[in-house]
Structure formats: structure tokens, C-alpha cells
């Protein structure tokens, strides 16, 4: 794992998961390890010649090592929440 500090000063742990032949998920783990609802992810797209072999898989550690700080910034800007804080469908909000 590597770390990345976002513009708001949060230091995220960065991991690479779900490698495919041409892409991999870059996971930004929030420092508050108590919940995954603050984690974010983005897709890294490889442009190497090996990506044309659909039976191959990118190596997660190689992908992580190849990413620069500029890559982290770009991926973080495009990242999405891993989970959303949605309530149950059809549930009524409670009042206090």
C-alpha cells in the first residue's frame, strides 16, 4: 500500500484491486478505518501492449508502483464512493 494526501489534508491509504487485462481498481481507503463508507475508488486504465491479451492480468503491485503523485491526484478527482449512505427503500425518515 502507498499513501496519498488529498487537497483537504486527508492522508488516504491506496491499494490496487480487481486487476483485469487492461484495467484495475484503485482503492482510496479513508484513515478512519472504522467504516468503509468513506472509502473511494477509481479505475486505472493501462495503455501497455500487454493489454491486448485478454487472458493476462495486470499485477496489482506493479500498477501501484507505476502510479505517480499526479496519477493519484487525477484518479482521486475522478473517484467515486465505495458505498452510499442510503436508507431502506420505502422507509420513512424518523423525527427526533
N, C-alpha and C. Protein backbone atom coordinates (compact mmCIF):
# COMPACT_ATOMS: atom_id res chain seq x y z
N UNK A 1 0.83 -1.18 0.00
CA UNK A 1 0.00 0.00 0.00
C UNK A 1 0.88 1.25 0.00
N UNK A 2 0.34 2.28 -0.61
CA UNK A 2 1.01 3.58 -0.60
C UNK A 2 0.05 4.59 0.01
N UNK A 3 0.52 5.80 0.22
CA UNK A 3 -0.35 6.82 0.78
C UNK A 3 -0.44 8.01 -0.18
N UNK A 4 -1.54 8.73 -0.05
CA UNK A 4 -1.82 9.91 -0.87
C UNK A 4 -2.52 10.92 0.00
N UNK A 5 -2.07 12.18 -0.04
CA UNK A 5 -2.70 13.24 0.73
C UNK A 5 -3.53 14.10 -0.21
N UNK A 6 -4.82 14.16 0.05
CA UNK A 6 -5.73 14.95 -0.79
C UNK A 6 -5.62 16.43 -0.43
N UNK A 7 -6.26 17.28 -1.21
CA UNK A 7 -6.17 18.72 -1.01
C UNK A 7 -6.68 19.17 0.36
N UNK A 8 -7.60 18.41 0.96
CA UNK A 8 -8.12 18.79 2.27
C UNK A 8 -7.23 18.32 3.42
N UNK A 9 -6.09 17.70 3.10
CA UNK A 9 -5.14 17.26 4.11
C UNK A 9 -5.35 15.84 4.60
N UNK A 10 -6.36 15.14 4.09
CA UNK A 10 -6.60 13.75 4.47
C UNK A 10 -5.57 12.85 3.82
N UNK A 11 -4.96 11.99 4.62
CA UNK A 11 -3.99 11.03 4.08
C UNK A 11 -4.69 9.69 3.88
N UNK A 12 -4.84 9.30 2.64
CA UNK A 12 -5.52 8.07 2.24
C UNK A 12 -4.50 6.97 2.04
N UNK A 13 -4.85 5.74 2.38
CA UNK A 13 -4.05 4.58 2.02
C UNK A 13 -4.54 4.12 0.65
N UNK A 14 -3.65 3.83 -0.26
CA UNK A 14 -4.02 3.48 -1.63
C UNK A 14 -3.64 2.02 -1.89
N UNK A 15 -4.58 1.30 -2.47
CA UNK A 15 -4.39 -0.11 -2.78
C UNK A 15 -4.94 -0.36 -4.18
N UNK A 16 -4.47 -1.40 -4.84
CA UNK A 16 -4.96 -1.78 -6.17
C UNK A 16 -5.64 -3.13 -6.06
N UNK A 17 -6.86 -3.21 -6.58
CA UNK A 17 -7.67 -4.43 -6.51
C UNK A 17 -8.25 -4.75 -7.88
N UNK A 18 -8.81 -5.93 -7.99
CA UNK A 18 -9.57 -6.38 -9.18
C UNK A 18 -8.84 -6.14 -10.49
N UNK A 19 -7.60 -6.63 -10.63
CA UNK A 19 -6.89 -6.40 -11.88
C UNK A 19 -7.51 -7.18 -13.03
N UNK A 20 -7.57 -6.53 -14.16
CA UNK A 20 -8.01 -7.19 -15.38
C UNK A 20 -6.87 -7.17 -16.37
N UNK A 21 -7.17 -7.42 -17.63
CA UNK A 21 -6.11 -7.42 -18.64
C UNK A 21 -5.68 -6.00 -19.00
N UNK A 22 -6.58 -5.02 -18.81
CA UNK A 22 -6.23 -3.65 -19.18
C UNK A 22 -6.62 -2.62 -18.13
N UNK A 23 -7.20 -3.06 -17.01
CA UNK A 23 -7.61 -2.09 -16.00
C UNK A 23 -7.50 -2.69 -14.60
N UNK A 24 -7.57 -1.82 -13.62
CA UNK A 24 -7.55 -2.25 -12.22
C UNK A 24 -8.23 -1.18 -11.38
N UNK A 25 -8.81 -1.60 -10.28
CA UNK A 25 -9.47 -0.66 -9.38
C UNK A 25 -8.43 -0.09 -8.41
N UNK A 26 -8.38 1.23 -8.34
CA UNK A 26 -7.52 1.91 -7.37
C UNK A 26 -8.42 2.31 -6.21
N UNK A 27 -8.12 1.77 -5.04
CA UNK A 27 -8.95 1.96 -3.86
C UNK A 27 -8.28 2.95 -2.92
N UNK A 28 -9.00 4.03 -2.59
CA UNK A 28 -8.52 5.03 -1.64
C UNK A 28 -9.22 4.74 -0.32
N UNK A 29 -8.45 4.28 0.66
CA UNK A 29 -9.01 3.93 1.97
C UNK A 29 -8.88 5.10 2.92
N UNK A 30 -10.02 5.52 3.48
CA UNK A 30 -10.06 6.65 4.42
C UNK A 30 -9.32 6.27 5.70
N UNK A 31 -8.64 7.23 6.34
CA UNK A 31 -7.90 6.90 7.56
C UNK A 31 -8.78 6.45 8.72
N UNK A 32 -10.05 6.78 8.70
CA UNK A 32 -10.96 6.28 9.73
C UNK A 32 -11.34 4.86 9.34
N UNK A 33 -10.56 3.91 9.78
CA UNK A 33 -10.74 2.51 9.38
C UNK A 33 -11.99 1.87 9.93
N UNK A 34 -12.77 2.58 10.73
CA UNK A 34 -13.96 2.01 11.33
C UNK A 34 -15.11 1.83 10.36
N UNK A 35 -15.04 2.49 9.22
CA UNK A 35 -16.13 2.37 8.25
C UNK A 35 -15.58 2.42 6.83
N UNK A 36 -16.19 1.66 5.96
CA UNK A 36 -15.77 1.71 4.56
C UNK A 36 -16.62 2.71 3.77
N UNK A 37 -17.59 3.34 4.42
CA UNK A 37 -18.47 4.25 3.70
C UNK A 37 -17.74 5.50 3.22
N UNK A 38 -16.56 5.78 3.76
CA UNK A 38 -15.79 6.94 3.32
C UNK A 38 -14.73 6.58 2.29
N UNK A 39 -14.53 5.29 2.03
CA UNK A 39 -13.56 4.85 1.03
C UNK A 39 -14.03 5.25 -0.36
N UNK A 40 -13.08 5.44 -1.26
CA UNK A 40 -13.39 5.83 -2.64
C UNK A 40 -12.63 4.92 -3.60
N UNK A 41 -13.08 4.86 -4.85
CA UNK A 41 -12.37 4.07 -5.85
C UNK A 41 -12.43 4.75 -7.21
N UNK A 42 -11.46 4.39 -8.04
CA UNK A 42 -11.41 4.86 -9.43
C UNK A 42 -10.78 3.75 -10.25
N UNK A 43 -11.04 3.74 -11.55
CA UNK A 43 -10.49 2.72 -12.44
C UNK A 43 -9.24 3.25 -13.12
N UNK A 44 -8.16 2.49 -13.01
CA UNK A 44 -6.92 2.76 -13.73
C UNK A 44 -6.99 2.00 -15.03
N UNK A 45 -6.71 2.68 -16.14
CA UNK A 45 -6.70 2.05 -17.46
C UNK A 45 -5.27 2.01 -17.97
N UNK A 46 -4.78 0.81 -18.23
CA UNK A 46 -3.42 0.63 -18.70
C UNK A 46 -3.38 0.78 -20.22
N UNK A 47 -2.30 1.34 -20.70
CA UNK A 47 -2.13 1.51 -22.13
C UNK A 47 -0.86 0.83 -22.63
N UNK A 48 -0.55 -0.29 -22.03
CA UNK A 48 0.65 -1.04 -22.42
C UNK A 48 0.28 -2.07 -23.49
N UNK A 49 1.24 -2.54 -24.27
CA UNK A 49 0.94 -3.52 -25.32
C UNK A 49 0.34 -4.82 -24.77
N UNK A 50 0.66 -5.15 -23.52
CA UNK A 50 0.17 -6.39 -22.94
C UNK A 50 -1.35 -6.39 -22.74
N UNK A 51 -1.97 -5.23 -22.79
CA UNK A 51 -3.41 -5.15 -22.53
C UNK A 51 -4.26 -5.82 -23.61
N UNK A 52 -3.64 -6.15 -24.73
CA UNK A 52 -4.38 -6.79 -25.81
C UNK A 52 -4.54 -8.30 -25.60
N UNK A 53 -3.90 -8.83 -24.58
CA UNK A 53 -4.01 -10.25 -24.26
C UNK A 53 -5.08 -10.40 -23.18
N UNK A 54 -6.27 -10.83 -23.58
CA UNK A 54 -7.39 -10.90 -22.64
C UNK A 54 -7.23 -11.96 -21.56
N UNK A 55 -6.26 -12.86 -21.74
CA UNK A 55 -6.04 -13.87 -20.71
C UNK A 55 -5.04 -13.40 -19.65
N UNK A 56 -4.38 -12.28 -19.89
CA UNK A 56 -3.40 -11.76 -18.95
C UNK A 56 -4.10 -10.95 -17.86
N UNK A 57 -3.40 -10.74 -16.77
CA UNK A 57 -3.90 -9.90 -15.68
C UNK A 57 -2.78 -8.95 -15.27
N UNK A 58 -3.16 -7.70 -15.02
CA UNK A 58 -2.19 -6.74 -14.51
C UNK A 58 -1.77 -7.17 -13.11
N UNK A 59 -0.54 -6.89 -12.77
CA UNK A 59 -0.03 -7.18 -11.44
C UNK A 59 -0.35 -5.98 -10.54
N UNK A 60 -1.14 -6.16 -9.47
CA UNK A 60 -1.53 -5.02 -8.63
C UNK A 60 -0.35 -4.23 -8.07
N UNK A 61 0.71 -4.92 -7.63
CA UNK A 61 1.85 -4.20 -7.06
C UNK A 61 2.61 -3.42 -8.15
N UNK A 62 2.66 -3.96 -9.36
CA UNK A 62 3.30 -3.24 -10.45
C UNK A 62 2.51 -1.99 -10.82
N UNK A 63 1.19 -2.12 -10.84
CA UNK A 63 0.34 -0.96 -11.13
C UNK A 63 0.55 0.10 -10.06
N UNK A 64 0.51 -0.29 -8.80
CA UNK A 64 0.67 0.65 -7.69
C UNK A 64 2.02 1.35 -7.75
N UNK A 65 3.08 0.59 -8.05
CA UNK A 65 4.42 1.17 -8.14
C UNK A 65 4.55 2.13 -9.32
N UNK A 66 3.77 1.91 -10.38
CA UNK A 66 3.89 2.74 -11.57
C UNK A 66 3.14 4.07 -11.44
N UNK A 67 2.25 4.18 -10.47
CA UNK A 67 1.45 5.40 -10.32
C UNK A 67 2.26 6.51 -9.66
N UNK A 68 2.19 7.69 -10.24
CA UNK A 68 2.87 8.86 -9.70
C UNK A 68 1.90 9.67 -8.85
N UNK A 69 2.42 10.68 -8.17
CA UNK A 69 1.54 11.56 -7.39
C UNK A 69 0.51 12.24 -8.29
N UNK A 70 0.92 12.62 -9.49
CA UNK A 70 0.00 13.24 -10.44
C UNK A 70 -1.11 12.25 -10.83
N UNK A 71 -0.76 10.98 -10.99
CA UNK A 71 -1.76 9.96 -11.30
C UNK A 71 -2.75 9.82 -10.14
N UNK A 72 -2.24 9.81 -8.91
CA UNK A 72 -3.13 9.73 -7.75
C UNK A 72 -4.09 10.90 -7.71
N UNK A 73 -3.59 12.10 -7.97
CA UNK A 73 -4.46 13.28 -7.96
C UNK A 73 -5.56 13.16 -9.00
N UNK A 74 -5.17 12.74 -10.20
CA UNK A 74 -6.15 12.60 -11.29
C UNK A 74 -7.18 11.53 -10.95
N UNK A 75 -6.72 10.38 -10.46
CA UNK A 75 -7.64 9.31 -10.11
C UNK A 75 -8.55 9.70 -8.95
N UNK A 76 -8.00 10.41 -7.96
CA UNK A 76 -8.82 10.81 -6.82
C UNK A 76 -9.91 11.80 -7.25
N UNK A 77 -9.57 12.72 -8.15
CA UNK A 77 -10.58 13.67 -8.64
C UNK A 77 -11.74 12.94 -9.32
N UNK A 78 -11.45 11.82 -9.96
CA UNK A 78 -12.48 11.06 -10.68
C UNK A 78 -13.08 9.94 -9.84
N UNK A 79 -12.65 9.82 -8.59
CA UNK A 79 -13.09 8.69 -7.77
C UNK A 79 -14.54 8.83 -7.32
N UNK A 80 -15.10 7.68 -6.95
CA UNK A 80 -16.49 7.59 -6.50
C UNK A 80 -16.53 6.88 -5.15
N UNK A 81 -17.57 7.14 -4.36
CA UNK A 81 -17.68 6.43 -3.08
C UNK A 81 -17.85 4.93 -3.30
N UNK A 82 -17.24 4.14 -2.43
CA UNK A 82 -17.39 2.69 -2.49
C UNK A 82 -18.82 2.31 -2.13
N UNK A 83 -19.37 2.98 -1.15
CA UNK A 83 -20.76 2.71 -0.77
C UNK A 83 -21.45 4.04 -0.52
N UNK A 84 -22.76 4.01 -0.59
CA UNK A 84 -23.53 5.21 -0.33
C UNK A 84 -24.32 5.02 0.96
N UNK A 85 -24.63 6.12 1.59
CA UNK A 85 -25.36 6.06 2.86
C UNK A 85 -26.86 6.20 2.58
N UNK A 86 -27.40 5.29 1.84
CA UNK A 86 -28.84 5.32 1.51
C UNK A 86 -29.60 4.57 2.59
N UNK A 87 -30.79 5.05 2.85
CA UNK A 87 -31.65 4.35 3.77
C UNK A 87 -32.38 3.22 3.07
N UNK A 88 -33.22 2.54 3.79
CA UNK A 88 -34.01 1.47 3.20
C UNK A 88 -35.05 2.04 2.25
N UNK A 89 -35.29 1.34 1.17
CA UNK A 89 -36.28 1.79 0.19
C UNK A 89 -37.66 1.77 0.86
N UNK A 90 -38.35 2.88 0.75
CA UNK A 90 -39.70 2.97 1.30
C UNK A 90 -39.74 3.31 2.79
N UNK A 91 -38.57 3.42 3.42
CA UNK A 91 -38.54 3.75 4.85
C UNK A 91 -38.84 5.23 5.03
N UNK A 92 -39.58 5.54 6.08
CA UNK A 92 -39.89 6.95 6.37
C UNK A 92 -38.83 7.49 7.30
N UNK A 93 -38.43 8.74 7.07
CA UNK A 93 -37.45 9.34 7.97
C UNK A 93 -38.04 9.50 9.37
N UNK A 94 -37.22 9.31 10.36
CA UNK A 94 -37.69 9.48 11.74
C UNK A 94 -37.39 10.89 12.19
N UNK A 95 -38.24 11.40 13.06
CA UNK A 95 -38.03 12.73 13.61
C UNK A 95 -37.68 12.60 15.08
N UNK A 96 -36.83 13.46 15.52
CA UNK A 96 -36.41 13.39 16.92
C UNK A 96 -37.20 14.31 17.80
